Amino acid sequence: MKKRQIPHTYVIVFAIIVVAAMLTWFIPGGQFQRIMVTVGETQRETIQSDSFTYTENNPQTWEIFSAIFDGFVDKADIIVFILLIGGAFWIMNNSRAIDVGIFSFLKFTRRLEHNKLIKTVGVDNMVITLIMLMFSAFGAIFGMSEETIAFIIIFVPLAITMGYDSITGVSMCFVAAGLGFAGALLNPFTIGIAQGLSDLPLFSGIEYRFFCWVVINIVGIGWILRYARRIKKNPKSSLVYKDDAYWRERESGSDLENIQYQTPKSAWITFIFILVVMTIYSFIMPYTTLTVGKSSTTLPVIPFLTVLFLITGIASLRKSAHFFVLNLLMFTIIYLIVGVMGYGWYVMEIATLFFAMGIAAGVAMNNSANKITSLFLEGVRDIMSAAMVVGLAGGIIIILQNGNIIDTLLYYISESMGEMGRVASVGMMYVFQTIINVVIPSGSAKAALTMPIMSQFSDLIGVSRQATVMAFQFGDGFTNMITPTSGVLIGVLGVAKIPYDKWVRWVTPFMIVLIILGFLLLIPTVTMDLTGF
């Protein structure tokens, strides 16, 4: 009997485009009137209540092919981001610096096993937990999402070297950031916009949201640790064991014993050049205002980092250029955080930062300009499939938009919640936001479109607007880890070499647990007297 072949990720995504096109034939067209409102310092387009009208639908046929082109145009920023990241990290990988860093890190963790307490808890458990908590905090505080794509190339090899699989590596950063995104303590892109559009004090109700964030992380990280322990015992039980051959071969090919630890003059020149640039910017921007939620603080961040780079740069160069390249990676990550929190950076600035890091790493290793270019193009070729599938997935949204059925779906679901009790209503709001997240994966866009309706509907049924925001928060957060319309998820899986169908098989039970947990955490918002509700 011939073994059934699993469809390629491209086939699955294109099939979803076809299904979306079929829906445009059966669901009538509809449209809400939209108005511009000011949220903080930003203008947002929102839906005007009681303004829905049916319009002619626009059935999609041959557009399933043109939608692919439009999807690439719509997702161009994410696609270019992935290509630049892939090229930059390929240059860095050629230096063997990441191999050296992982080897040094694992040697350090093995030394910790001599401590009885740490040995009892498990060094690997501590490493995974601490990394996940860090990324969860990033997701909860400033909405880290697209940025996780860049970290996949670090944590998947780390997980493979530790004896786990690529799913564990993806979980360390992407899943962790997703847990934080759902917890959303101070995320300005979800909570900030949703509360602003609901006329609530920004970031109010943080006490209960912090409790929810803790519970979500206990359940989420506990699930990942349990999975990682099973894979460590039997690596072949992983759904992606065969797919991980790419990473195992890459790691087995890194013969650390033959690495020549040296520091060429080009590494010192690179260090001096970067130090001069940082010094200039220390005078141009002596103070940086870091914003976390509604709180902000002004500190001499760049001068401090310049001094720190001077100290760590010299120390790393005295060991070898490999450790200097790792130092560059560390400061790239630090500047990413400072840029996001202090200067509102997004994918363009972050991609530029990593691109510059890749070139600096190549020069530091004494590579010629042609060699650096060749390595960059190799990295782009290696990661091209990930960038391609992001553009392909973007076609799903284009079909639904061009078919004029997104507003109709919003209207149908909001109307279906009219005759329910408070707990059932907030539960239906949660289901509504979860379903809509498949169609509109952008948290800020979904908040702008749905919260004007949901917040006013909550007034009619006696549910607090804060509870409605929580329903949006959970509905937006969890399903980002499974929806095929998310360019970030598709990009992450492409970089990690994980087929989408296998990811769905792994993540579905996890999603069910998280979605049920979200509903349970919503119940106190309508049954208890909570601060800010």
Protein backbone atom coordinates (compact mmCIF):
# COMPACT_ATOMS: atom_id res chain seq x y z
CA MET A 1 0.00 0.00 0.00
CA LYS A 2 1.41 3.35 -1.06
CA LYS A 3 2.15 5.65 1.84
CA ARG A 4 0.06 8.81 1.79
CA GLN A 5 2.20 11.82 1.00
CA ILE A 6 1.88 14.86 3.26
CA PRO A 7 1.12 18.03 1.28
CA HIS A 8 3.88 20.62 1.02
CA THR A 9 3.38 23.81 3.04
CA TYR A 10 2.93 25.73 -0.22
CA VAL A 11 0.13 23.33 -1.22
CA ILE A 12 -1.62 23.78 2.13
CA VAL A 13 -1.47 27.58 2.01
CA PHE A 14 -2.64 27.69 -1.63
CA ALA A 15 -5.55 25.37 -0.72
CA ILE A 16 -6.57 27.86 1.97
CA ILE A 17 -6.48 30.64 -0.66
CA VAL A 18 -8.85 28.56 -2.82
CA VAL A 19 -11.23 27.97 0.15
CA ALA A 20 -11.20 31.72 0.93
CA ALA A 21 -12.10 32.41 -2.70
CA MET A 22 -14.99 29.91 -2.48
CA LEU A 23 -16.34 31.72 0.59
CA THR A 24 -16.60 34.95 -1.39
CA TRP A 25 -19.23 33.20 -3.57
CA PHE A 26 -21.50 32.28 -0.64
CA ILE A 27 -21.05 35.06 1.94
CA PRO A 28 -22.69 38.35 0.93
CA GLY A 29 -20.57 41.48 0.73
CA GLY A 30 -20.82 43.99 3.54
CA GLN A 31 -19.26 47.16 4.80
CA PHE A 32 -19.04 49.22 7.98
CA GLN A 33 -18.54 52.95 7.80
CA ARG A 34 -15.16 53.91 9.23
CA ILE A 35 -14.00 57.03 11.02
CA MET A 36 -10.60 58.26 12.18
CA VAL A 37 -9.99 58.57 15.91
CA THR A 38 -6.91 59.57 17.88
CA VAL A 39 -5.41 56.98 20.23
CA GLY A 40 -2.52 58.51 22.15
CA GLU A 41 -0.54 60.27 19.45
CA THR A 42 -1.67 58.00 16.60
CA GLN A 43 -4.62 58.24 14.20
CA ARG A 44 -6.55 54.98 13.89
CA GLU A 45 -9.30 53.98 11.48
CA THR A 46 -12.18 52.44 13.45
CA ILE A 47 -15.64 51.09 12.70
CA GLN A 48 -18.64 53.33 13.34
CA SER A 49 -21.29 51.51 15.38
CA ASP A 50 -24.64 50.60 13.73
CA SER A 51 -23.24 51.47 10.30
CA PHE A 52 -23.18 48.05 8.66
CA THR A 53 -24.77 47.78 5.24
CA TYR A 54 -24.82 44.94 2.77
CA THR A 55 -23.03 45.56 -0.50
CA GLU A 56 -22.48 43.54 -3.62
CA ASN A 57 -20.12 40.71 -3.01
CA ASN A 58 -17.14 40.30 -5.29
CA PRO A 59 -16.66 36.57 -5.98
CA GLN A 60 -13.03 35.68 -6.52
CA THR A 61 -12.01 33.34 -9.35
CA TRP A 62 -8.77 33.85 -11.28
CA GLU A 63 -7.81 36.30 -8.51
CA ILE A 64 -6.45 33.34 -6.54
CA PHE A 65 -3.38 33.70 -8.75
CA SER A 66 -3.08 37.49 -8.68
CA ALA A 67 -3.60 37.37 -4.88
CA ILE A 68 -0.20 35.69 -4.62
CA PHE A 69 1.42 38.70 -6.28
CA ASP A 70 -0.56 41.09 -4.06
CA GLY A 71 0.34 39.00 -1.01
CA PHE A 72 4.02 39.43 -1.78
CA VAL A 73 3.53 43.18 -2.14
CA ASP A 74 1.53 43.37 1.11
CA LYS A 75 4.10 41.33 3.07
CA ALA A 76 7.16 42.86 1.38
CA ASP A 77 8.54 44.24 4.66
CA ILE A 78 8.48 40.82 6.37
CA ILE A 79 9.90 39.11 3.26
CA VAL A 80 12.83 41.52 2.97
CA PHE A 81 13.33 41.26 6.74
CA ILE A 82 13.67 37.47 6.50
CA LEU A 83 16.07 37.66 3.53
CA LEU A 84 18.35 40.21 5.20
CA ILE A 85 18.34 38.27 8.47
CA GLY A 86 19.12 35.02 6.64
CA GLY A 87 22.00 36.55 4.71
CA ALA A 88 23.46 38.28 7.77
CA PHE A 89 23.36 35.14 9.92
CA TRP A 90 24.92 33.05 7.17
CA ILE A 91 27.92 35.37 7.24
CA MET A 92 28.04 35.01 11.01
CA ASN A 93 27.62 31.22 10.83
CA ASN A 94 30.61 31.01 8.50
CA SER A 95 32.73 32.58 11.25
CA ARG A 96 31.84 29.59 13.50
CA ALA A 97 31.19 32.12 16.28
CA ILE A 98 27.74 30.75 17.10
CA ASP A 99 29.16 27.21 17.28
CA VAL A 100 31.84 28.47 19.67
CA GLY A 101 29.22 30.33 21.70
CA ILE A 102 26.91 27.31 22.01
CA PHE A 103 29.85 25.06 22.93
CA SER A 104 31.02 27.51 25.61
CA PHE A 105 27.48 27.91 26.94
CA LEU A 106 26.97 24.16 27.23
CA LYS A 107 30.34 23.74 28.99
CA PHE A 108 29.23 26.40 31.49
CA THR A 109 25.86 24.71 32.12
CA ARG A 110 27.53 21.33 32.63
CA ARG A 111 29.71 22.86 35.35
CA LEU A 112 26.55 24.00 37.12
CA GLU A 113 25.42 20.37 37.44
CA HIS A 114 27.85 19.94 40.32
CA ASN A 115 25.50 22.09 42.40
CA LYS A 116 23.04 19.68 44.09
CA LEU A 117 20.08 22.09 43.99
CA ILE A 118 20.61 22.95 40.33
CA LYS A 119 21.13 19.28 39.49
CA THR A 120 17.82 18.43 41.18
CA VAL A 121 15.93 21.09 39.22
CA GLY A 122 17.81 20.32 36.00
CA VAL A 123 20.17 22.66 34.21
CA ASP A 124 18.33 22.31 30.90
CA ASN A 125 15.00 23.05 32.63
CA MET A 126 16.49 26.22 34.10
CA VAL A 127 17.96 27.31 30.76
CA ILE A 128 14.70 26.77 28.84
CA THR A 129 12.61 28.42 31.58
CA LEU A 130 14.80 31.52 31.87
CA ILE A 131 14.98 32.01 28.10
CA MET A 132 11.21 31.59 27.76
CA LEU A 133 10.48 33.99 30.63
CA MET A 134 12.69 36.61 29.00
CA PHE A 135 10.93 36.38 25.64
CA SER A 136 7.52 36.19 27.31
CA ALA A 137 8.33 39.44 29.11
CA PHE A 138 9.35 40.99 25.78
CA GLY A 139 6.01 39.92 24.26
CA ALA A 140 4.02 41.21 27.22
CA ILE A 141 5.81 44.56 27.56
CA PHE A 142 6.51 45.77 24.03
CA GLY A 143 4.79 43.21 21.82
CA MET A 144 7.78 41.30 20.45
CA SER A 145 6.60 39.33 17.45
CA GLU A 146 8.39 39.82 14.11
CA GLU A 147 11.68 40.14 15.97
CA THR A 148 11.55 36.46 17.01
CA ILE A 149 12.32 35.39 13.42
CA ALA A 150 15.88 36.62 13.92
CA PHE A 151 16.33 34.50 17.06
CA ILE A 152 15.23 31.22 15.47
CA ILE A 153 18.66 30.85 13.87
CA ILE A 154 20.21 30.99 17.36
CA PHE A 155 17.85 28.89 19.46
CA VAL A 156 17.10 26.04 17.05
CA PRO A 157 20.81 25.05 16.78
CA LEU A 158 21.09 25.48 20.57
CA ALA A 159 18.14 23.15 21.15
CA ILE A 160 19.51 20.56 18.70
CA THR A 161 22.92 20.65 20.40
CA MET A 162 21.26 20.21 23.82
CA GLY A 163 19.57 17.03 22.54
CA TYR A 164 16.12 18.44 21.75
CA ASP A 165 14.42 19.28 18.44
CA SER A 166 13.63 22.36 16.36
CA ILE A 167 10.15 22.65 17.93
CA THR A 168 11.82 23.12 21.32
CA GLY A 169 14.08 25.79 19.83
CA VAL A 170 11.10 27.61 18.31
CA SER A 171 9.26 27.35 21.63
CA MET A 172 12.12 29.04 23.49
CA CYS A 173 11.57 32.34 21.68
CA PHE A 174 8.51 32.37 19.37
CA VAL A 175 6.09 30.42 21.59
CA ALA A 176 7.37 32.24 24.68
CA ALA A 177 6.79 35.62 23.02
CA GLY A 178 3.31 34.38 22.05
CA LEU A 179 2.53 33.55 25.68
CA GLY A 180 3.63 37.04 26.65
CA PHE A 181 1.65 38.58 23.78
CA ALA A 182 -1.47 36.89 25.17
CA GLY A 183 -0.62 38.06 28.70
CA ALA A 184 -0.04 41.59 27.32
CA LEU A 185 0.89 43.52 30.44
CA LEU A 186 1.90 46.76 28.71
CA ASN A 187 1.82 45.87 25.01
CA PRO A 188 1.09 49.20 23.28
CA PHE A 189 0.09 47.48 20.01
CA THR A 190 -2.75 45.47 21.55
CA ILE A 191 -3.73 46.59 25.05
CA GLY A 192 -2.77 50.21 24.42
CA ILE A 193 -4.91 50.50 21.29
CA ALA A 194 -7.80 48.35 22.59
CA GLN A 195 -8.11 50.32 25.84
CA GLY A 196 -7.71 53.64 24.05
CA LEU A 197 -10.55 52.80 21.66
CA SER A 198 -12.69 51.60 24.58
CA ASP A 199 -12.20 54.88 26.49
CA LEU A 200 -10.40 53.11 29.33
CA PRO A 201 -7.34 54.45 31.19
CA LEU A 202 -4.32 53.10 29.35
CA PHE A 203 -2.92 49.90 30.90
CA SER A 204 -5.53 49.92 33.67
CA GLY A 205 -6.43 46.55 35.19
CA ILE A 206 -2.78 45.53 35.09
CA GLU A 207 -3.05 43.74 38.44
CA TYR A 208 -5.32 41.01 37.09
CA ARG A 209 -3.50 40.91 33.76
CA PHE A 210 -0.24 40.27 35.63
CA PHE A 211 -1.92 37.36 37.44
CA CYS A 212 -3.08 36.02 34.05
CA TRP A 213 0.42 36.40 32.60
CA VAL A 214 1.89 34.37 35.46
CA VAL A 215 -0.72 31.60 35.08
CA ILE A 216 -0.31 31.48 31.29
CA ASN A 217 3.47 31.17 31.65
CA ILE A 218 3.24 28.45 34.30
CA VAL A 219 0.99 26.38 32.04
CA GLY A 220 2.84 27.23 28.79
CA ILE A 221 6.40 26.76 30.02
CA GLY A 222 5.36 23.64 31.95
CA TRP A 223 3.96 22.18 28.72
CA ILE A 224 7.19 22.89 26.82
CA LEU A 225 9.39 21.45 29.60
CA ARG A 226 7.29 18.28 29.64
CA TYR A 227 7.60 17.99 25.85
CA ALA A 228 11.34 18.71 25.89
CA ARG A 229 11.92 16.03 28.54
CA ARG A 230 10.12 13.46 26.34
CA ILE A 231 12.20 14.40 23.28
CA LYS A 232 15.43 14.22 25.29
CA LYS A 233 14.59 10.64 26.28
CA ASN A 234 13.64 9.61 22.75
CA PRO A 235 14.69 12.08 20.02
CA LYS A 236 13.06 9.96 17.30
CA SER A 237 9.64 10.52 18.88
CA SER A 238 9.73 14.09 17.55
CA LEU A 239 7.42 14.84 14.63
CA VAL A 240 10.26 16.78 13.02
CA TYR A 241 13.08 14.29 13.67
CA LYS A 242 13.68 13.73 9.94
CA ASP A 243 13.32 17.43 9.15
CA ASP A 244 15.89 18.25 11.82
CA ALA A 245 18.50 16.29 9.88
CA TYR A 246 19.40 19.64 8.29
CA TRP A 247 20.32 21.10 11.68
CA ARG A 248 21.98 17.92 12.99
CA GLU A 249 24.21 17.73 9.92
CA ARG A 250 25.09 21.40 10.28
CA GLU A 251 25.95 20.96 13.94
CA SER A 252 27.88 17.72 13.37
CA GLY A 253 29.86 19.52 10.70
CA SER A 254 31.09 22.07 13.20
CA ASP A 255 34.35 20.45 14.26
CA LEU A 256 35.24 22.75 17.13
CA GLU A 257 38.60 21.12 17.74
CA ASN A 258 39.92 22.39 14.39
CA ILE A 259 38.86 26.01 14.88
CA GLN A 260 41.84 28.36 14.91
CA TYR A 261 41.32 30.92 17.65
CA GLN A 262 43.00 34.10 16.43
CA THR A 263 42.32 37.83 16.15
CA PRO A 264 43.23 39.33 12.77
CA LYS A 265 43.92 43.05 12.40
CA SER A 266 40.61 43.44 10.57
CA ALA A 267 38.78 42.54 13.81
CA TRP A 268 40.54 45.38 15.67
CA ILE A 269 39.77 47.76 12.79
CA THR A 270 36.10 46.73 12.90
CA PHE A 271 36.05 47.27 16.66
CA ILE A 272 37.59 50.75 16.38
CA PHE A 273 35.22 51.77 13.57
CA ILE A 274 32.10 50.68 15.51
CA LEU A 275 33.41 52.31 18.68
CA VAL A 276 33.93 55.62 16.82
CA VAL A 277 30.38 55.46 15.40
CA MET A 278 28.92 54.71 18.84
CA THR A 279 30.95 57.55 20.37
CA ILE A 280 29.61 60.01 17.79
CA TYR A 281 26.05 58.93 18.50
CA SER A 282 26.74 59.25 22.23
CA PHE A 283 27.18 62.98 21.64
CA ILE A 284 24.32 63.27 19.13
CA MET A 285 21.85 61.34 21.34
CA PRO A 286 23.23 61.51 24.89
CA TYR A 287 19.86 60.58 26.41
CA THR A 288 17.26 58.02 25.38
CA THR A 289 13.68 57.92 26.65
CA LEU A 290 12.69 54.29 27.19
CA THR A 291 8.94 53.75 27.24
CA VAL A 292 7.28 50.78 28.95
CA GLY A 293 3.52 51.07 28.89
CA LYS A 294 2.59 54.48 30.27
CA SER A 295 5.86 54.75 32.17
CA SER A 296 8.98 56.24 30.67
CA THR A 297 12.44 57.01 31.89
CA THR A 298 15.26 59.01 30.30
CA LEU A 299 18.75 57.57 30.65
CA PRO A 300 22.18 57.98 28.97
CA VAL A 301 21.72 54.62 27.30
CA ILE A 302 23.97 55.05 24.23
CA PRO A 303 26.95 56.53 26.17
CA PHE A 304 26.65 53.68 28.67
CA LEU A 305 26.54 51.07 25.89
CA THR A 306 29.53 52.71 24.21
CA VAL A 307 31.64 52.35 27.37
CA LEU A 308 30.39 48.79 27.83
CA PHE A 309 31.26 47.95 24.21
CA LEU A 310 34.77 49.36 24.75
CA ILE A 311 35.34 47.04 27.73
CA THR A 312 33.71 43.87 26.35
CA GLY A 313 35.15 44.45 22.86
CA ILE A 314 38.73 44.54 24.08
CA ALA A 315 38.16 41.56 26.38
CA SER A 316 36.63 39.47 23.56
CA LEU A 317 39.28 40.45 21.01
CA ARG A 318 42.02 39.32 23.38
CA LYS A 319 40.46 35.83 23.32
CA SER A 320 39.68 35.54 19.58
CA ALA A 321 37.68 37.11 16.77
CA HIS A 322 34.98 34.47 17.34
CA PHE A 323 34.18 35.89 20.76
CA PHE A 324 34.23 39.40 19.30
CA VAL A 325 31.60 38.35 16.76
CA LEU A 326 29.51 36.95 19.63
CA ASN A 327 29.97 40.30 21.36
CA LEU A 328 28.63 41.99 18.22
CA LEU A 329 25.59 39.70 18.33
CA MET A 330 24.98 40.54 21.99
CA PHE A 331 25.10 44.29 21.33
CA THR A 332 22.89 43.86 18.27
CA ILE A 333 20.24 42.30 20.49
CA ILE A 334 20.66 45.03 23.12
CA TYR A 335 20.31 47.76 20.49
CA LEU A 336 17.24 45.97 19.12
CA ILE A 337 15.59 46.26 22.55
CA VAL A 338 16.68 49.89 22.99
CA GLY A 339 15.52 50.73 19.47
CA VAL A 340 12.08 49.19 19.97
CA MET A 341 11.51 50.71 23.43
CA GLY A 342 13.25 54.04 22.87
CA TYR A 343 12.88 54.90 19.20
CA GLY A 344 9.89 52.93 17.93
CA TRP A 345 11.89 50.67 15.65
CA TYR A 346 10.10 48.15 13.44
CA VAL A 347 11.20 45.55 10.90
CA MET A 348 13.06 47.98 8.61
CA GLU A 349 15.35 49.28 11.35
CA ILE A 350 15.82 45.84 12.88
CA ALA A 351 16.69 44.26 9.53
CA THR A 352 19.17 47.07 8.89
CA LEU A 353 20.74 46.47 12.30
CA PHE A 354 21.26 42.75 11.66
CA PHE A 355 22.48 43.41 8.11
CA ALA A 356 25.16 45.75 9.49
CA MET A 357 26.04 43.11 12.10
CA GLY A 358 26.54 40.51 9.37
CA ILE A 359 28.87 42.75 7.38
CA ALA A 360 30.81 43.67 10.53
CA ALA A 361 31.18 39.98 11.43
CA GLY A 362 32.47 39.19 7.93
CA VAL A 363 35.04 41.99 8.02
CA ALA A 364 36.13 41.04 11.55
CA MET A 365 36.88 37.50 10.31
CA ASN A 366 39.10 39.01 7.56
CA ASN A 367 36.80 38.01 4.72
CA SER A 368 37.04 39.90 1.43
CA ALA A 369 34.14 41.93 0.06
CA ASN A 370 33.47 39.23 -2.56
CA LYS A 371 33.51 36.51 0.10
CA ILE A 372 31.04 38.44 2.29
CA THR A 373 28.76 38.98 -0.71
CA SER A 374 28.95 35.30 -1.65
CA LEU A 375 28.10 34.22 1.90
CA PHE A 376 25.21 36.69 2.06
CA LEU A 377 23.72 35.31 -1.16
CA GLU A 378 24.11 31.75 0.13
CA GLY A 379 22.13 32.73 3.23
CA VAL A 380 19.44 34.37 1.11
CA ARG A 381 19.14 31.22 -1.02
CA ASP A 382 18.94 29.03 2.09
CA ILE A 383 16.10 31.06 3.59
CA MET A 384 14.28 31.92 0.36
CA SER A 385 11.59 29.27 0.87
CA ALA A 386 10.64 30.86 4.20
CA ALA A 387 10.29 34.28 2.57
CA MET A 388 8.28 32.81 -0.32
CA VAL A 389 5.70 31.16 1.90
CA VAL A 390 5.12 34.43 3.81
CA GLY A 391 4.15 36.13 0.56
CA LEU A 392 1.98 33.17 -0.39
CA ALA A 393 0.13 33.30 2.95
CA GLY A 394 -0.45 37.03 2.45
CA GLY A 395 -2.68 36.11 -0.51
CA ILE A 396 -5.30 34.67 1.88
CA ILE A 397 -6.01 38.10 3.38
CA ILE A 398 -6.03 39.72 -0.08
CA ILE A 399 -8.75 37.33 -1.30
CA LEU A 400 -10.97 38.00 1.74
CA GLN A 401 -10.49 41.75 1.44
CA ASN A 402 -11.16 41.84 -2.29
CA GLY A 403 -14.20 39.62 -1.81
CA ASN A 404 -15.71 42.24 0.57
CA ILE A 405 -16.59 39.63 3.21
CA ILE A 406 -14.42 40.55 6.21
CA ASP A 407 -16.92 43.13 7.52
CA THR A 408 -19.79 40.70 6.92
CA LEU A 409 -18.04 38.11 9.09
CA LEU A 410 -17.57 40.75 11.81
CA TYR A 411 -21.25 41.68 11.63
CA TYR A 412 -22.58 38.10 11.71
CA ILE A 413 -20.55 37.12 14.74
CA SER A 414 -21.34 40.28 16.73
CA GLU A 415 -25.07 39.85 16.03
CA SER A 416 -25.02 36.25 17.25
CA MET A 417 -24.12 37.34 20.81
CA GLY A 418 -27.25 39.32 21.56
CA GLU A 419 -29.28 36.88 23.74
CA MET A 420 -26.69 35.43 26.12
CA GLY A 421 -25.75 35.80 29.77
CA ARG A 422 -22.67 37.68 30.86
CA VAL A 423 -20.32 34.70 31.14
CA ALA A 424 -21.55 33.26 27.85
CA SER A 425 -21.31 36.68 26.18
CA VAL A 426 -17.72 37.31 27.24
CA GLY A 427 -16.96 33.74 26.16
CA MET A 428 -18.50 34.42 22.75
CA MET A 429 -16.48 37.64 22.46
CA TYR A 430 -13.41 35.51 23.11
CA VAL A 431 -14.44 33.00 20.42
CA PHE A 432 -15.19 35.90 18.07
CA GLN A 433 -11.75 37.47 18.56
CA THR A 434 -10.11 34.04 18.18
CA ILE A 435 -11.85 33.39 14.86
CA ILE A 436 -11.19 36.90 13.57
CA ASN A 437 -7.49 36.49 14.41
CA VAL A 438 -7.32 33.86 11.67
CA VAL A 439 -8.60 36.46 9.20
CA ILE A 440 -6.84 39.53 10.64
CA PRO A 441 -3.62 38.39 12.39
CA SER A 442 -2.45 41.96 13.10
CA GLY A 443 -3.30 42.78 16.73
CA SER A 444 -3.38 46.54 16.21
CA ALA A 445 -5.54 46.28 13.07
CA LYS A 446 -7.95 43.90 14.77
CA ALA A 447 -8.22 46.16 17.82
CA ALA A 448 -9.05 49.14 15.59
CA LEU A 449 -11.71 47.17 13.71
CA THR A 450 -13.41 45.20 16.48
CA MET A 451 -13.11 47.15 19.75
CA PRO A 452 -15.48 50.01 18.76
CA ILE A 453 -18.22 47.37 18.24
CA MET A 454 -17.34 45.12 21.17
CA SER A 455 -16.91 47.88 23.75
CA GLN A 456 -20.34 49.35 23.00
CA PHE A 457 -21.94 45.90 22.85
CA SER A 458 -20.51 45.15 26.29
CA ASP A 459 -22.31 48.21 27.69
CA LEU A 460 -25.64 46.82 26.44
CA ILE A 461 -25.24 43.43 28.12
CA GLY A 462 -23.70 44.66 31.39
CA VAL A 463 -20.15 43.37 30.83
CA SER A 464 -17.30 45.71 31.74
CA ARG A 465 -15.27 47.12 28.87
CA GLN A 466 -12.14 45.86 30.61
CA ALA A 467 -13.48 42.30 30.33
CA THR A 468 -14.04 42.92 26.62
CA VAL A 469 -10.42 44.05 26.27
CA MET A 470 -9.29 40.86 28.02
CA ALA A 471 -11.37 38.76 25.59
CA PHE A 472 -9.64 40.58 22.72
CA GLN A 473 -6.23 40.12 24.36
CA PHE A 474 -6.54 36.34 24.73
CA GLY A 475 -8.28 35.88 21.38
CA ASP A 476 -5.50 37.82 19.67
CA GLY A 477 -2.60 36.17 21.48
CA PHE A 478 -2.94 32.41 21.46
CA THR A 479 -3.97 31.71 17.87
CA ASN A 480 -1.00 33.69 16.52
CA MET A 481 0.83 30.40 17.08
CA ILE A 482 -1.30 28.46 14.61
CA THR A 483 -3.01 30.74 12.08
CA PRO A 484 -1.66 30.28 8.53
CA THR A 485 -2.33 33.96 7.75
CA SER A 486 0.36 35.07 10.22
CA GLY A 487 3.45 36.10 8.27
CA VAL A 488 5.48 35.84 11.47
CA LEU A 489 4.48 32.22 12.16
CA ILE A 490 5.08 31.19 8.56
CA GLY A 491 8.42 33.00 8.59
CA VAL A 492 9.46 31.32 11.85
CA LEU A 493 8.56 27.85 10.58
CA GLY A 494 10.33 28.50 7.29
CA VAL A 495 13.55 29.54 9.02
CA ALA A 496 13.33 26.55 11.40
CA LYS A 497 12.64 24.14 8.49
CA ILE A 498 9.44 22.90 10.19
CA PRO A 499 6.61 21.91 7.78
CA TYR A 500 3.37 23.74 8.62
CA ASP A 501 1.29 20.54 8.79
CA LYS A 502 3.64 19.00 11.37
CA TRP A 503 3.60 22.20 13.40
CA VAL A 504 -0.22 22.15 13.41
CA ARG A 505 -0.23 18.55 14.63
CA TRP A 506 2.12 19.46 17.47
CA VAL A 507 0.60 22.77 18.49
CA THR A 508 -3.13 21.89 18.28
CA PRO A 509 -3.37 20.16 21.72
CA PHE A 510 -1.35 23.03 23.19
CA MET A 511 -3.73 25.56 21.60
CA ILE A 512 -6.77 23.74 23.02
CA VAL A 513 -5.29 23.90 26.52
CA LEU A 514 -4.42 27.60 26.18
CA ILE A 515 -7.81 28.55 24.71
CA ILE A 516 -9.63 26.76 27.55
CA LEU A 517 -7.29 28.45 30.05
CA GLY A 518 -8.10 31.82 28.47
CA PHE A 519 -11.83 31.23 28.94
CA LEU A 520 -11.35 30.21 32.59
CA LEU A 521 -9.32 33.38 33.21
CA LEU A 522 -12.13 35.46 31.67
CA ILE A 523 -14.79 34.18 34.07
CA PRO A 524 -13.55 36.24 37.08
CA THR A 525 -13.76 39.42 34.94
CA VAL A 526 -17.58 39.16 35.02
CA THR A 527 -18.11 37.34 38.34
CA MET A 528 -15.65 39.10 40.67
CA ASP A 529 -14.94 42.69 41.66
CA LEU A 530 -11.46 43.20 40.21
CA THR A 531 -9.32 46.34 40.31
CA GLY A 532 -9.78 48.30 37.10
CA PHE A 533 -12.83 46.29 35.94
